[in-house]
Amino acid sequence: MPRLTPARREQQRARIVDSARRVMLRRGLAGTSMSQVIEESGLSAGAIYGYFTGKDELVAAVALEVIRRRTSTFAEIAERTPVPPPHVALGGFLAELPEPGEGALVLEIWALVGREQGLQDLGGEVFAEIARGAQHYLAAWYQQDEDLDEEQATRRATRATPALLALAQGYIVQSALLGPSARETFGDSIAALLADRPEEER
């Protein structure tokens, strides 16, 4: 059997991760088994285990994929001219997540990472990736809006990033607990908190 090219291997890995994500969205983290992922993907058990040793590694891969598909939003926003203010940027970020059920899945993954020592490196990696995107955006905003040089803007962005991420995490929690209605009310709340003036005053 011919060896897979690197590009083909990456495609196959992505197929497995997406299959695992779909099963986890339907059944929840605890209700997902490797046999279900194998069936969903249409690949053999040998193919699956050639990429992942077990469910924990798949959980890590799904978590990273969910986050990476979203954090690109901050990078894109940072390149706009002009760079939009934080309440607009955060609103755009939140509009990209979660898919139906994805918020609940993210909460399950966070809980598992908090309990399992072996997955705590995953938590650090995921958070660091989100933080880099948010910090890049904030630095661009501070350079534009407050006329700071790059070093000053980066220092301020570093301090402000945890608060911005806390708002995003809060939205994920509310969307999981309250459902679709959380999106509109949370977006309005962010604008009221972060905008210079509330929309109704303009």
C-alpha atoms as a PDB file:
ATOM      1  CA  MET A   1       0.000   0.000   0.000  1.00  0.00           C
ATOM      2  CA  PRO A   2       1.532   3.378  -0.983  1.00  0.00           C
ATOM      3  CA  ARG A   3       2.475   5.741   1.806  1.00  0.00           C
ATOM      4  CA  LEU A   4       0.274   8.779   2.307  1.00  0.00           C
ATOM      5  CA  THR A   5       1.713  12.157   1.389  1.00  0.00           C
ATOM      6  CA  PRO A   6       1.963  14.736   4.213  1.00  0.00           C
ATOM      7  CA  ALA A   7      -0.957  16.657   2.696  1.00  0.00           C
ATOM      8  CA  ARG A   8      -3.086  13.519   2.526  1.00  0.00           C
ATOM      9  CA  ARG A   9      -2.191  12.604   6.104  1.00  0.00           C
ATOM     10  CA  GLU A  10      -3.277  16.051   7.267  1.00  0.00           C
ATOM     11  CA  GLN A  11      -6.572  15.710   5.374  1.00  0.00           C
ATOM     12  CA  GLN A  12      -7.194  12.329   6.971  1.00  0.00           C
ATOM     13  CA  ARG A  13      -6.386  13.644  10.434  1.00  0.00           C
ATOM     14  CA  ALA A  14      -8.768  16.573   9.909  1.00  0.00           C
ATOM     15  CA  ARG A  15     -11.472  14.114   8.826  1.00  0.00           C
ATOM     16  CA  ILE A  16     -11.042  12.151  12.052  1.00  0.00           C
ATOM     17  CA  VAL A  17     -11.107  15.287  14.214  1.00  0.00           C
ATOM     18  CA  ASP A  18     -14.245  16.581  12.488  1.00  0.00           C
ATOM     19  CA  SER A  19     -15.919  13.198  12.913  1.00  0.00           C
ATOM     20  CA  ALA A  20     -15.065  13.218  16.621  1.00  0.00           C
ATOM     21  CA  ARG A  21     -16.429  16.748  16.974  1.00  0.00           C
ATOM     22  CA  ARG A  22     -19.740  15.772  15.371  1.00  0.00           C
ATOM     23  CA  VAL A  23     -20.128  12.768  17.666  1.00  0.00           C
ATOM     24  CA  MET A  24     -19.248  14.868  20.725  1.00  0.00           C
ATOM     25  CA  LEU A  25     -21.808  17.502  19.734  1.00  0.00           C
ATOM     26  CA  ARG A  26     -24.525  14.849  19.450  1.00  0.00           C
ATOM     27  CA  ARG A  27     -23.652  12.691  22.441  1.00  0.00           C
ATOM     28  CA  GLY A  28     -21.623  14.863  24.757  1.00  0.00           C
ATOM     29  CA  LEU A  29     -18.081  14.164  25.859  1.00  0.00           C
ATOM     30  CA  ALA A  30     -18.909  11.371  28.303  1.00  0.00           C
ATOM     31  CA  GLY A  31     -21.175   9.655  25.779  1.00  0.00           C
ATOM     32  CA  THR A  32     -18.569   9.568  23.015  1.00  0.00           C
ATOM     33  CA  SER A  33     -16.554   6.409  22.407  1.00  0.00           C
ATOM     34  CA  MET A  34     -13.758   5.608  20.004  1.00  0.00           C
ATOM     35  CA  SER A  35     -15.993   3.053  18.269  1.00  0.00           C
ATOM     36  CA  GLN A  36     -18.526   5.806  17.527  1.00  0.00           C
ATOM     37  CA  VAL A  37     -15.799   8.034  16.081  1.00  0.00           C
ATOM     38  CA  ILE A  38     -14.563   5.156  13.929  1.00  0.00           C
ATOM     39  CA  GLU A  39     -18.088   4.567  12.605  1.00  0.00           C
ATOM     40  CA  GLU A  40     -18.682   8.288  11.990  1.00  0.00           C
ATOM     41  CA  SER A  41     -15.428   8.721  10.061  1.00  0.00           C
ATOM     42  CA  GLY A  42     -15.885   5.660   7.864  1.00  0.00           C
ATOM     43  CA  LEU A  43     -12.230   4.771   8.455  1.00  0.00           C
ATOM     44  CA  SER A  44     -10.777   1.638   9.981  1.00  0.00           C
ATOM     45  CA  ALA A  45      -9.783   1.387  13.631  1.00  0.00           C
ATOM     46  CA  GLY A  46      -6.178   1.030  12.510  1.00  0.00           C
ATOM     47  CA  ALA A  47      -6.385   4.306  10.604  1.00  0.00           C
ATOM     48  CA  ILE A  48      -7.809   6.140  13.624  1.00  0.00           C
ATOM     49  CA  TYR A  49      -5.240   4.766  16.053  1.00  0.00           C
ATOM     50  CA  GLY A  50      -2.498   5.639  13.610  1.00  0.00           C
ATOM     51  CA  TYR A  51      -3.208   9.284  14.481  1.00  0.00           C
ATOM     52  CA  PHE A  52      -4.564   9.165  18.041  1.00  0.00           C
ATOM     53  CA  THR A  53      -3.775   6.793  20.890  1.00  0.00           C
ATOM     54  CA  GLY A  54      -7.181   7.250  22.487  1.00  0.00           C
ATOM     55  CA  LYS A  55     -10.062   9.489  23.426  1.00  0.00           C
ATOM     56  CA  ASP A  56      -8.014  11.990  25.458  1.00  0.00           C
ATOM     57  CA  GLU A  57      -5.857  12.825  22.446  1.00  0.00           C
ATOM     58  CA  LEU A  58      -8.983  13.246  20.336  1.00  0.00           C
ATOM     59  CA  VAL A  59     -10.501  15.568  22.943  1.00  0.00           C
ATOM     60  CA  ALA A  60      -7.342  17.678  22.789  1.00  0.00           C
ATOM     61  CA  ALA A  61      -7.451  17.805  18.991  1.00  0.00           C
ATOM     62  CA  VAL A  62     -11.138  18.744  18.921  1.00  0.00           C
ATOM     63  CA  ALA A  63     -10.604  21.495  21.494  1.00  0.00           C
ATOM     64  CA  LEU A  64      -7.746  22.995  19.501  1.00  0.00           C
ATOM     65  CA  GLU A  65      -9.707  22.789  16.246  1.00  0.00           C
ATOM     66  CA  VAL A  66     -12.759  24.505  17.741  1.00  0.00           C
ATOM     67  CA  ILE A  67     -10.578  27.326  19.062  1.00  0.00           C
ATOM     68  CA  ARG A  68      -8.376  27.708  15.972  1.00  0.00           C
ATOM     69  CA  ARG A  69     -11.382  28.098  13.698  1.00  0.00           C
ATOM     70  CA  ARG A  70     -12.479  31.000  15.881  1.00  0.00           C
ATOM     71  CA  THR A  71      -9.267  32.782  16.867  1.00  0.00           C
ATOM     72  CA  SER A  72      -8.557  33.677  13.244  1.00  0.00           C
ATOM     73  CA  THR A  73     -11.357  36.227  13.670  1.00  0.00           C
ATOM     74  CA  PHE A  74      -9.234  38.409  15.957  1.00  0.00           C
ATOM     75  CA  ALA A  75      -6.318  38.306  13.510  1.00  0.00           C
ATOM     76  CA  GLU A  76      -8.598  39.363  10.651  1.00  0.00           C
ATOM     77  CA  ILE A  77     -10.128  42.187  12.702  1.00  0.00           C
ATOM     78  CA  ALA A  78      -6.668  43.482  13.645  1.00  0.00           C
ATOM     79  CA  GLU A  79      -5.857  43.992   9.952  1.00  0.00           C
ATOM     80  CA  ARG A  80      -8.882  46.166   9.200  1.00  0.00           C
ATOM     81  CA  THR A  81      -8.539  49.870   8.499  1.00  0.00           C
ATOM     82  CA  PRO A  82      -9.561  51.425  10.744  1.00  0.00           C
ATOM     83  CA  VAL A  83      -9.231  48.823  13.493  1.00  0.00           C
ATOM     84  CA  PRO A  84     -12.695  48.542  15.076  1.00  0.00           C
ATOM     85  CA  PRO A  85     -13.149  49.267  18.795  1.00  0.00           C
ATOM     86  CA  PRO A  86     -13.216  46.416  21.334  1.00  0.00           C
ATOM     87  CA  HIS A  87     -17.002  46.124  21.623  1.00  0.00           C
ATOM     88  CA  VAL A  88     -17.266  45.708  17.833  1.00  0.00           C
ATOM     89  CA  ALA A  89     -14.317  43.306  17.667  1.00  0.00           C
ATOM     90  CA  LEU A  90     -15.628  41.174  20.497  1.00  0.00           C
ATOM     91  CA  GLY A  91     -19.080  41.158  18.952  1.00  0.00           C
ATOM     92  CA  GLY A  92     -17.574  39.881  15.704  1.00  0.00           C
ATOM     93  CA  PHE A  93     -15.624  37.205  17.554  1.00  0.00           C
ATOM     94  CA  LEU A  94     -18.695  36.031  19.456  1.00  0.00           C
ATOM     95  CA  ALA A  95     -20.762  35.918  16.273  1.00  0.00           C
ATOM     96  CA  GLU A  96     -18.439  33.145  15.092  1.00  0.00           C
ATOM     97  CA  LEU A  97     -19.096  30.872  18.082  1.00  0.00           C
ATOM     98  CA  PRO A  98     -20.437  28.625  19.202  1.00  0.00           C
ATOM     99  CA  GLU A  99     -22.305  26.419  16.777  1.00  0.00           C
ATOM    100  CA  PRO A 100     -25.460  24.899  18.269  1.00  0.00           C
ATOM    101  CA  GLY A 101     -24.276  22.690  21.109  1.00  0.00           C
ATOM    102  CA  GLU A 102     -20.659  23.754  20.769  1.00  0.00           C
ATOM    103  CA  GLY A 103     -20.771  25.972  23.852  1.00  0.00           C
ATOM    104  CA  ALA A 104     -21.835  23.025  25.991  1.00  0.00           C
ATOM    105  CA  LEU A 105     -19.072  20.906  24.460  1.00  0.00           C
ATOM    106  CA  VAL A 106     -16.475  23.567  25.258  1.00  0.00           C
ATOM    107  CA  LEU A 107     -17.670  23.606  28.883  1.00  0.00           C
ATOM    108  CA  GLU A 108     -17.352  19.821  29.058  1.00  0.00           C
ATOM    109  CA  ILE A 109     -13.821  20.019  27.690  1.00  0.00           C
ATOM    110  CA  TRP A 110     -12.858  22.735  30.188  1.00  0.00           C
ATOM    111  CA  ALA A 111     -14.225  20.618  33.039  1.00  0.00           C
ATOM    112  CA  LEU A 112     -12.281  17.574  31.850  1.00  0.00           C
ATOM    113  CA  VAL A 113      -9.076  19.590  31.526  1.00  0.00           C
ATOM    114  CA  GLY A 114      -9.569  20.863  35.071  1.00  0.00           C
ATOM    115  CA  ARG A 115      -9.913  17.315  36.425  1.00  0.00           C
ATOM    116  CA  GLU A 116      -7.337  15.455  34.364  1.00  0.00           C
ATOM    117  CA  GLN A 117      -3.717  16.266  35.127  1.00  0.00           C
ATOM    118  CA  GLY A 118      -2.607  14.837  31.804  1.00  0.00           C
ATOM    119  CA  LEU A 119      -4.766  17.301  29.871  1.00  0.00           C
ATOM    120  CA  GLN A 120      -3.729  20.463  31.685  1.00  0.00           C
ATOM    121  CA  ASP A 121      -0.997  21.183  29.152  1.00  0.00           C
ATOM    122  CA  LEU A 122      -3.820  21.252  26.594  1.00  0.00           C
ATOM    123  CA  GLY A 123      -5.600  23.912  28.606  1.00  0.00           C
ATOM    124  CA  GLY A 124      -2.489  26.049  28.623  1.00  0.00           C
ATOM    125  CA  GLU A 125      -1.938  25.591  24.891  1.00  0.00           C
ATOM    126  CA  VAL A 126      -5.522  26.475  23.983  1.00  0.00           C
ATOM    127  CA  PHE A 127      -5.598  29.518  26.243  1.00  0.00           C
ATOM    128  CA  ALA A 128      -2.234  30.731  24.938  1.00  0.00           C
ATOM    129  CA  GLU A 129      -3.468  30.502  21.351  1.00  0.00           C
ATOM    130  CA  ILE A 130      -6.607  32.496  22.121  1.00  0.00           C
ATOM    131  CA  ALA A 131      -4.587  35.056  24.067  1.00  0.00           C
ATOM    132  CA  ARG A 132      -2.151  35.611  21.184  1.00  0.00           C
ATOM    133  CA  GLY A 133      -4.985  36.461  18.804  1.00  0.00           C
ATOM    134  CA  ALA A 134      -6.704  38.779  21.273  1.00  0.00           C
ATOM    135  CA  GLN A 135      -3.445  40.491  22.225  1.00  0.00           C
ATOM    136  CA  HIS A 136      -2.564  41.078  18.572  1.00  0.00           C
ATOM    137  CA  TYR A 137      -5.924  42.765  18.038  1.00  0.00           C
ATOM    138  CA  LEU A 138      -5.716  44.911  21.191  1.00  0.00           C
ATOM    139  CA  ALA A 139      -2.191  46.086  20.373  1.00  0.00           C
ATOM    140  CA  ALA A 140      -3.371  47.206  16.926  1.00  0.00           C
ATOM    141  CA  TRP A 141      -6.327  49.014  18.496  1.00  0.00           C
ATOM    142  CA  TYR A 142      -4.208  50.833  21.085  1.00  0.00           C
ATOM    143  CA  GLN A 143      -1.681  51.914  18.458  1.00  0.00           C
ATOM    144  CA  GLN A 144      -4.473  53.381  16.363  1.00  0.00           C
ATOM    145  CA  ASP A 145      -6.841  54.789  18.978  1.00  0.00           C
ATOM    146  CA  GLU A 146      -4.386  56.065  21.583  1.00  0.00           C
ATOM    147  CA  ASP A 147      -1.415  56.722  19.314  1.00  0.00           C
ATOM    148  CA  LEU A 148       0.857  54.447  21.356  1.00  0.00           C
ATOM    149  CA  ASP A 149       4.066  53.099  19.920  1.00  0.00           C
ATOM    150  CA  GLU A 150       4.333  49.350  19.350  1.00  0.00           C
ATOM    151  CA  GLU A 151       6.037  48.600  22.667  1.00  0.00           C
ATOM    152  CA  GLN A 152       3.556  50.637  24.715  1.00  0.00           C
ATOM    153  CA  ALA A 153       0.595  49.148  22.861  1.00  0.00           C
ATOM    154  CA  THR A 154       1.875  45.611  23.407  1.00  0.00           C
ATOM    155  CA  ARG A 155       2.346  46.179  27.138  1.00  0.00           C
ATOM    156  CA  ARG A 156      -1.160  47.546  27.525  1.00  0.00           C
ATOM    157  CA  ALA A 157      -2.639  44.784  25.371  1.00  0.00           C
ATOM    158  CA  THR A 158      -0.918  42.182  27.546  1.00  0.00           C
ATOM    159  CA  ARG A 159      -2.608  43.624  30.634  1.00  0.00           C
ATOM    160  CA  ALA A 160      -6.034  43.921  28.994  1.00  0.00           C
ATOM    161  CA  THR A 161      -6.177  40.553  27.229  1.00  0.00           C
ATOM    162  CA  PRO A 162      -7.356  38.456  30.230  1.00  0.00           C
ATOM    163  CA  ALA A 163     -10.376  40.743  30.700  1.00  0.00           C
ATOM    164  CA  LEU A 164     -11.302  40.531  27.011  1.00  0.00           C
ATOM    165  CA  LEU A 165     -11.039  36.748  27.123  1.00  0.00           C
ATOM    166  CA  ALA A 166     -13.121  36.590  30.298  1.00  0.00           C
ATOM    167  CA  LEU A 167     -15.961  38.283  28.408  1.00  0.00           C
ATOM    168  CA  ALA A 168     -15.669  35.710  25.616  1.00  0.00           C
ATOM    169  CA  GLN A 169     -15.647  32.850  28.128  1.00  0.00           C
ATOM    170  CA  GLY A 170     -18.658  34.325  29.889  1.00  0.00           C
ATOM    171  CA  TYR A 171     -20.535  34.358  26.614  1.00  0.00           C
ATOM    172  CA  ILE A 172     -19.769  30.678  26.022  1.00  0.00           C
ATOM    173  CA  VAL A 173     -21.117  29.838  29.482  1.00  0.00           C
ATOM    174  CA  GLN A 174     -24.284  31.878  28.971  1.00  0.00           C
ATOM    175  CA  SER A 175     -24.915  30.458  25.499  1.00  0.00           C
ATOM    176  CA  ALA A 176     -24.621  26.922  26.887  1.00  0.00           C
ATOM    177  CA  LEU A 177     -26.987  27.642  29.788  1.00  0.00           C
ATOM    178  CA  LEU A 178     -29.473  30.053  28.209  1.00  0.00           C
ATOM    179  CA  GLY A 179     -29.490  29.006  24.557  1.00  0.00           C
ATOM    180  CA  PRO A 180     -29.761  31.210  21.435  1.00  0.00           C
ATOM    181  CA  SER A 181     -31.293  34.155  23.292  1.00  0.00           C
ATOM    182  CA  ALA A 182     -27.931  34.752  24.972  1.00  0.00           C
ATOM    183  CA  ARG A 183     -26.306  35.897  21.711  1.00  0.00           C
ATOM    184  CA  GLU A 184     -28.376  39.045  21.221  1.00  0.00           C
ATOM    185  CA  THR A 185     -28.602  40.067  24.869  1.00  0.00           C
ATOM    186  CA  PHE A 186     -24.903  39.475  25.509  1.00  0.00           C
ATOM    187  CA  GLY A 187     -23.937  41.437  22.398  1.00  0.00           C
ATOM    188  CA  ASP A 188     -26.040  44.392  23.531  1.00  0.00           C
ATOM    189  CA  SER A 189     -24.534  44.146  26.995  1.00  0.00           C
ATOM    190  CA  ILE A 190     -20.977  44.256  25.635  1.00  0.00           C
ATOM    191  CA  ALA A 191     -21.802  47.365  23.615  1.00  0.00           C
ATOM    192  CA  ALA A 192     -23.287  49.038  26.701  1.00  0.00           C
ATOM    193  CA  LEU A 193     -20.203  48.175  28.755  1.00  0.00           C
ATOM    194  CA  LEU A 194     -17.423  48.946  26.276  1.00  0.00           C
ATOM    195  CA  ALA A 195     -18.766  51.514  23.827  1.00  0.00           C
ATOM    196  CA  ASP A 196     -18.071  55.203  24.423  1.00  0.00           C
ATOM    197  CA  ARG A 197     -21.826  55.810  24.394  1.00  0.00           C
ATOM    198  CA  PRO A 198     -24.721  53.370  24.321  1.00  0.00           C
ATOM    199  CA  GLU A 199     -26.361  53.010  20.908  1.00  0.00           C
ATOM    200  CA  GLU A 200     -29.616  54.626  22.074  1.00  0.00           C
ATOM    201  CA  GLU A 201     -27.734  57.824  23.001  1.00  0.00           C
ATOM    202  CA  ARG A 202     -26.278  58.331  19.512  1.00  0.00           C
END
